[in-house]
Amino acid sequence: AGSKLREVFDKINNLLSGKPVQTEGQTVSVTQHPQGLEFVCYKLAEKFVKHGEGEVSFHHDSAFPIAVVLSGIWELHPRVGDIFLAHLHKKCPYSVPFYPARKEGTSMEEYQRILGYEVHDSKVEEQDHFLKRMSGMIRLYAAIIQLRWPYGNKQGAHPHGLSYGWRWLAQMLNLEPLADVTAMLLLDFLEVCGNALMKQYGVQFWKTMFYIQKSYIPRIEAVTSSGQMGCLSRLKNFVQKCLQAKEIPLPKGILTPSFWRT
């Protein structure tokens, strides 16, 4: 509910503002320790990324309430936003977007970690699980860039708005595609913030969609084996439907004005 989200936001904002906050039966304040604020900013940013790779990866709709709170906190406490991006880029290099190359002397295990895979006792997580986590983080990022906290000061610009999404899309299309990963990330990103990008960039956006259909999807196809076609087929269908309808649907789970009255 909107009222619940406001409570969460106020509590985080009060904590970062140095006010005493009640939690688990005790009162805490960042002023209790010289590094208190820095520690809280770090842990909070880390927690938001964890929400992306956990909750959002299983419940796509949850990207929006989490993103709108982070967007508002980022506006008031830019340090949290900076550290959030650092955590996000480390956990999901595709959010830069960047496909790290393997450097000489880097073990395979270490390289898997750099690519974003979880490695425990030399066991690399399964591809499906890896893709799910990356998908959750990209969806959270795509939600953040288009949302503003509705009770904030609307005078300033969004601390990390749609222009960053437009840049992400352009950079993504300049990279050589990877099987599995590229198709999934493009689909996630366009499903979540395609509508907002369409409204903001109009003709330029449609030129990009046409480029994806005519030039980029064939390049993804060229590196995709027959067993990895699922994501690519969904991306193809999505782009084709949008171009035919000349419309990108609103994302499922977007927060409507009525949500804030709950």
Protein backbone atom coordinates (compact mmCIF):
# COMPACT_ATOMS: atom_id res chain seq x y z
CA ALA A 1 0.00 0.00 0.00
CA GLY A 2 1.05 3.60 -0.63
CA SER A 3 0.81 4.46 3.09
CA LYS A 4 3.11 1.53 3.96
CA LEU A 5 5.65 2.70 1.39
CA ARG A 6 5.62 6.20 2.90
CA GLU A 7 6.36 4.71 6.32
CA VAL A 8 9.35 2.81 4.93
CA PHE A 9 10.60 5.90 3.10
CA ASP A 10 10.25 8.15 6.18
CA LYS A 11 12.10 5.69 8.38
CA ILE A 12 15.05 5.42 5.96
CA ASN A 13 15.10 9.18 5.39
CA ASN A 14 15.02 9.90 9.14
CA LEU A 15 17.86 7.44 9.75
CA LEU A 16 20.03 9.03 7.02
CA SER A 17 19.14 12.52 8.31
CA GLY A 18 20.62 11.72 11.73
CA LYS A 19 17.29 11.43 13.56
CA PRO A 20 16.76 8.64 16.11
CA VAL A 21 14.85 5.69 14.63
CA GLN A 22 13.09 2.80 16.40
CA THR A 23 14.04 -0.63 15.10
CA GLU A 24 13.68 -4.07 16.69
CA GLY A 25 12.90 -2.62 20.09
CA GLN A 26 15.80 -0.19 20.25
CA THR A 27 16.56 3.37 19.20
CA VAL A 28 19.44 3.88 16.74
CA SER A 29 21.00 6.95 15.19
CA VAL A 30 23.84 7.38 12.69
CA THR A 31 25.31 10.03 15.03
CA GLN A 32 26.23 7.30 17.55
CA HIS A 33 29.43 6.50 15.66
CA PRO A 34 31.77 8.72 13.58
CA GLN A 35 31.41 6.34 10.59
CA GLY A 36 27.74 5.63 11.30
CA LEU A 37 26.35 7.48 8.30
CA GLU A 38 28.91 6.01 5.88
CA PHE A 39 28.16 2.50 7.16
CA VAL A 40 24.39 2.95 6.81
CA CYS A 41 24.71 4.38 3.27
CA TYR A 42 26.83 1.37 2.28
CA LYS A 43 24.57 -1.28 3.82
CA LEU A 44 21.40 0.38 2.53
CA ALA A 45 22.71 0.58 -1.05
CA GLU A 46 23.79 -3.07 -0.82
CA LYS A 47 20.31 -4.03 0.46
CA PHE A 48 18.59 -2.34 -2.50
CA VAL A 49 20.74 -4.33 -4.95
CA LYS A 50 19.91 -7.53 -3.03
CA HIS A 51 16.21 -6.73 -3.44
CA GLY A 52 16.85 -6.53 -7.19
CA GLU A 53 18.59 -9.88 -7.48
CA GLY A 54 16.22 -11.57 -5.03
CA GLU A 55 12.70 -10.20 -4.77
CA VAL A 56 12.45 -8.53 -8.21
CA SER A 57 13.86 -11.58 -9.99
CA PHE A 58 10.92 -13.64 -8.65
CA HIS A 59 8.20 -10.95 -8.54
CA HIS A 60 8.71 -8.54 -11.43
CA ASP A 61 6.06 -6.11 -10.16
CA SER A 62 8.02 -5.48 -6.96
CA ALA A 63 10.59 -3.47 -8.98
CA PHE A 64 8.34 -0.40 -8.85
CA PRO A 65 7.73 0.08 -5.10
CA ILE A 66 11.40 -0.66 -4.36
CA ALA A 67 12.59 1.67 -7.14
CA VAL A 68 10.34 4.59 -6.15
CA VAL A 69 11.66 4.53 -2.58
CA LEU A 70 15.28 4.36 -3.77
CA SER A 71 14.68 7.15 -6.29
CA GLY A 72 13.38 9.44 -3.50
CA ILE A 73 16.22 8.53 -1.12
CA TRP A 74 18.76 9.08 -3.92
CA GLU A 75 17.36 12.57 -4.50
CA LEU A 76 17.78 13.56 -0.85
CA HIS A 77 20.93 11.54 -0.10
CA PRO A 78 23.04 11.32 -3.30
CA ARG A 79 25.72 9.28 -1.52
CA VAL A 80 23.31 6.32 -1.31
CA GLY A 81 22.71 6.52 -5.07
CA ASP A 82 26.43 6.58 -5.85
CA ILE A 83 27.10 3.53 -3.67
CA PHE A 84 24.03 1.75 -5.06
CA LEU A 85 25.45 2.13 -8.59
CA ALA A 86 28.83 0.81 -7.43
CA HIS A 87 27.21 -2.29 -5.88
CA LEU A 88 24.97 -2.77 -8.92
CA HIS A 89 27.83 -2.49 -11.43
CA LYS A 90 29.93 -4.95 -9.45
CA LYS A 91 27.13 -7.53 -9.08
CA CYS A 92 25.76 -7.00 -12.58
CA PRO A 93 28.37 -5.60 -15.02
CA TYR A 94 25.63 -5.61 -17.72
CA SER A 95 24.04 -2.65 -15.92
CA VAL A 96 27.03 -0.51 -16.99
CA PRO A 97 26.65 -2.09 -19.70
CA PHE A 98 29.95 -3.92 -19.95
CA TYR A 99 31.00 -7.45 -20.85
CA PRO A 100 34.29 -7.97 -19.00
CA ALA A 101 37.03 -9.71 -20.99
CA ARG A 102 39.18 -12.35 -19.30
CA LYS A 103 42.59 -10.90 -18.48
CA GLU A 104 45.77 -12.91 -18.63
CA GLY A 105 46.46 -14.68 -15.35
CA THR A 106 42.80 -14.56 -14.20
CA SER A 107 41.56 -17.97 -13.10
CA MET A 108 38.33 -19.27 -14.62
CA GLU A 109 36.70 -19.17 -11.18
CA GLU A 110 37.66 -15.53 -10.65
CA TYR A 111 36.52 -14.64 -14.17
CA GLN A 112 33.11 -16.23 -13.53
CA ARG A 113 32.77 -13.97 -10.46
CA ILE A 114 33.70 -10.89 -12.52
CA LEU A 115 30.94 -11.85 -15.01
CA GLY A 116 28.45 -11.80 -12.12
CA TYR A 117 28.17 -15.53 -11.39
CA GLU A 118 28.02 -16.72 -7.78
CA VAL A 119 30.81 -19.22 -7.07
CA HIS A 120 30.75 -21.29 -3.85
CA ASP A 121 33.38 -23.95 -3.13
CA SER A 122 34.45 -23.84 -6.81
CA LYS A 123 30.84 -24.56 -7.88
CA VAL A 124 29.40 -22.02 -10.31
CA GLU A 125 25.68 -21.29 -10.04
CA GLU A 126 23.41 -22.65 -12.75
CA GLN A 127 22.77 -20.51 -15.82
CA ASP A 128 19.03 -20.20 -15.15
CA HIS A 129 19.62 -18.87 -11.65
CA PHE A 130 22.30 -16.48 -12.90
CA LEU A 131 20.02 -15.11 -15.64
CA LYS A 132 17.15 -14.67 -13.14
CA ARG A 133 19.33 -12.57 -10.83
CA MET A 134 20.70 -10.40 -13.66
CA SER A 135 17.14 -9.93 -14.94
CA GLY A 136 15.95 -8.74 -11.49
CA MET A 137 18.75 -6.18 -11.21
CA ILE A 138 18.20 -4.79 -14.71
CA ARG A 139 14.45 -4.54 -14.07
CA LEU A 140 15.07 -2.63 -10.85
CA TYR A 141 17.48 -0.27 -12.66
CA ALA A 142 14.98 0.26 -15.51
CA ALA A 143 12.29 1.12 -12.94
CA ILE A 144 14.49 3.58 -11.00
CA ILE A 145 15.37 5.76 -14.00
CA GLN A 146 11.71 6.54 -14.76
CA LEU A 147 10.27 6.99 -11.24
CA ARG A 148 10.17 10.00 -8.91
CA TRP A 149 9.16 9.90 -5.25
CA PRO A 150 5.74 11.63 -5.46
CA TYR A 151 6.12 13.60 -2.21
CA GLY A 152 9.56 15.04 -2.97
CA ASN A 153 10.63 18.41 -4.29
CA LYS A 154 9.90 18.36 -8.04
CA GLN A 155 12.09 21.41 -8.75
CA GLY A 156 15.33 19.50 -9.30
CA ALA A 157 16.09 16.93 -11.97
CA HIS A 158 15.83 13.18 -11.34
CA PRO A 159 19.22 12.18 -9.86
CA HIS A 160 19.55 9.34 -12.40
CA GLY A 161 16.79 9.81 -14.95
CA LEU A 162 15.76 8.54 -18.37
CA SER A 163 18.80 9.99 -20.16
CA TYR A 164 20.85 7.29 -18.38
CA GLY A 165 18.44 4.66 -19.71
CA TRP A 166 18.75 6.04 -23.23
CA ARG A 167 22.52 5.92 -22.88
CA TRP A 168 22.38 2.34 -21.53
CA LEU A 169 20.32 1.21 -24.52
CA ALA A 170 22.64 2.91 -27.04
CA GLN A 171 25.76 1.43 -25.40
CA MET A 172 24.16 -2.00 -25.19
CA LEU A 173 23.49 -1.96 -28.94
CA ASN A 174 27.13 -1.04 -29.58
CA LEU A 175 28.36 -4.19 -27.82
CA GLU A 176 28.82 -7.54 -29.54
CA PRO A 177 25.86 -9.62 -28.30
CA LEU A 178 26.24 -12.60 -25.99
CA ALA A 179 24.04 -15.69 -26.25
CA ASP A 180 21.27 -15.79 -23.62
CA VAL A 181 22.29 -12.66 -21.72
CA THR A 182 21.83 -9.91 -24.34
CA ALA A 183 18.34 -10.92 -25.50
CA MET A 184 17.10 -11.29 -21.93
CA LEU A 185 18.48 -7.95 -20.73
CA LEU A 186 17.13 -6.03 -23.72
CA LEU A 187 13.68 -7.56 -23.25
CA ASP A 188 13.64 -6.85 -19.49
CA PHE A 189 14.78 -3.28 -20.04
CA LEU A 190 12.28 -2.53 -22.83
CA GLU A 191 9.37 -4.15 -20.98
CA VAL A 192 10.02 -2.02 -17.89
CA CYS A 193 10.99 1.37 -19.33
CA GLY A 194 10.25 1.16 -23.07
CA ASN A 195 6.99 3.09 -22.58
CA ALA A 196 8.77 5.91 -20.71
CA LEU A 197 11.57 6.07 -23.31
CA MET A 198 9.00 6.15 -26.14
CA LYS A 199 7.26 9.15 -24.55
CA GLN A 200 10.55 10.95 -23.93
CA TYR A 201 12.43 10.26 -27.19
CA GLY A 202 9.64 9.74 -29.76
CA VAL A 203 10.97 9.30 -33.30
CA GLN A 204 14.53 8.57 -32.11
CA PHE A 205 13.23 5.77 -29.95
CA TRP A 206 11.30 4.18 -32.83
CA LYS A 207 14.41 4.38 -35.05
CA THR A 208 16.24 2.44 -32.33
CA MET A 209 13.47 -0.18 -32.15
CA PHE A 210 13.63 -0.59 -35.92
CA TYR A 211 17.43 -0.98 -35.70
CA ILE A 212 16.99 -3.69 -33.04
CA GLN A 213 14.58 -5.58 -35.29
CA LYS A 214 16.49 -5.26 -38.57
CA SER A 215 20.14 -5.33 -37.46
CA TYR A 216 20.67 -6.29 -33.84
CA ILE A 217 18.37 -9.29 -33.46
CA PRO A 218 20.07 -11.06 -36.44
CA ARG A 219 23.42 -10.45 -34.68
CA ILE A 220 22.07 -12.07 -31.50
CA GLU A 221 20.73 -14.97 -33.61
CA ALA A 222 24.20 -15.51 -35.07
CA VAL A 223 25.69 -16.27 -31.61
CA THR A 224 22.69 -18.21 -30.22
CA SER A 225 22.47 -22.01 -30.31
CA SER A 226 19.16 -23.81 -30.90
CA GLY A 227 18.83 -24.62 -27.19
CA GLN A 228 19.04 -20.96 -26.14
CA MET A 229 16.31 -19.50 -28.35
CA GLY A 230 13.67 -18.88 -25.65
CA CYS A 231 14.65 -15.35 -24.67
CA LEU A 232 15.46 -14.36 -28.22
CA SER A 233 12.01 -15.47 -29.46
CA ARG A 234 10.33 -13.41 -26.73
CA LEU A 235 12.43 -10.35 -27.61
CA LYS A 236 11.59 -10.76 -31.33
CA ASN A 237 7.86 -11.01 -30.60
CA PHE A 238 7.90 -8.04 -28.25
CA VAL A 239 9.73 -5.76 -30.71
CA GLN A 240 7.55 -6.89 -33.62
CA LYS A 241 4.29 -6.28 -31.71
CA CYS A 242 5.44 -2.83 -30.56
CA LEU A 243 6.49 -1.78 -34.07
CA GLN A 244 3.19 -3.01 -35.54
CA ALA A 245 1.10 -1.22 -32.89
CA LYS A 246 3.43 1.84 -32.82
CA GLU A 247 3.04 1.63 -29.07
CA ILE A 248 4.97 0.20 -26.13
CA PRO A 249 2.62 -1.14 -23.44
CA LEU A 250 2.81 0.26 -19.91
CA PRO A 251 4.81 -2.11 -17.72
CA LYS A 252 2.89 -4.55 -15.54
CA GLY A 253 2.85 -3.38 -11.93
CA ILE A 254 3.52 0.34 -12.59
CA LEU A 255 2.34 2.47 -9.64
CA THR A 256 -0.81 4.40 -10.54
CA PRO A 257 -2.02 7.59 -8.75
CA SER A 258 -4.70 5.48 -6.97
CA PHE A 259 -1.93 3.33 -5.40
CA TRP A 260 -0.84 6.32 -3.30
CA ARG A 261 -4.33 6.59 -1.82
CA THR A 262 -4.09 3.10 -0.32
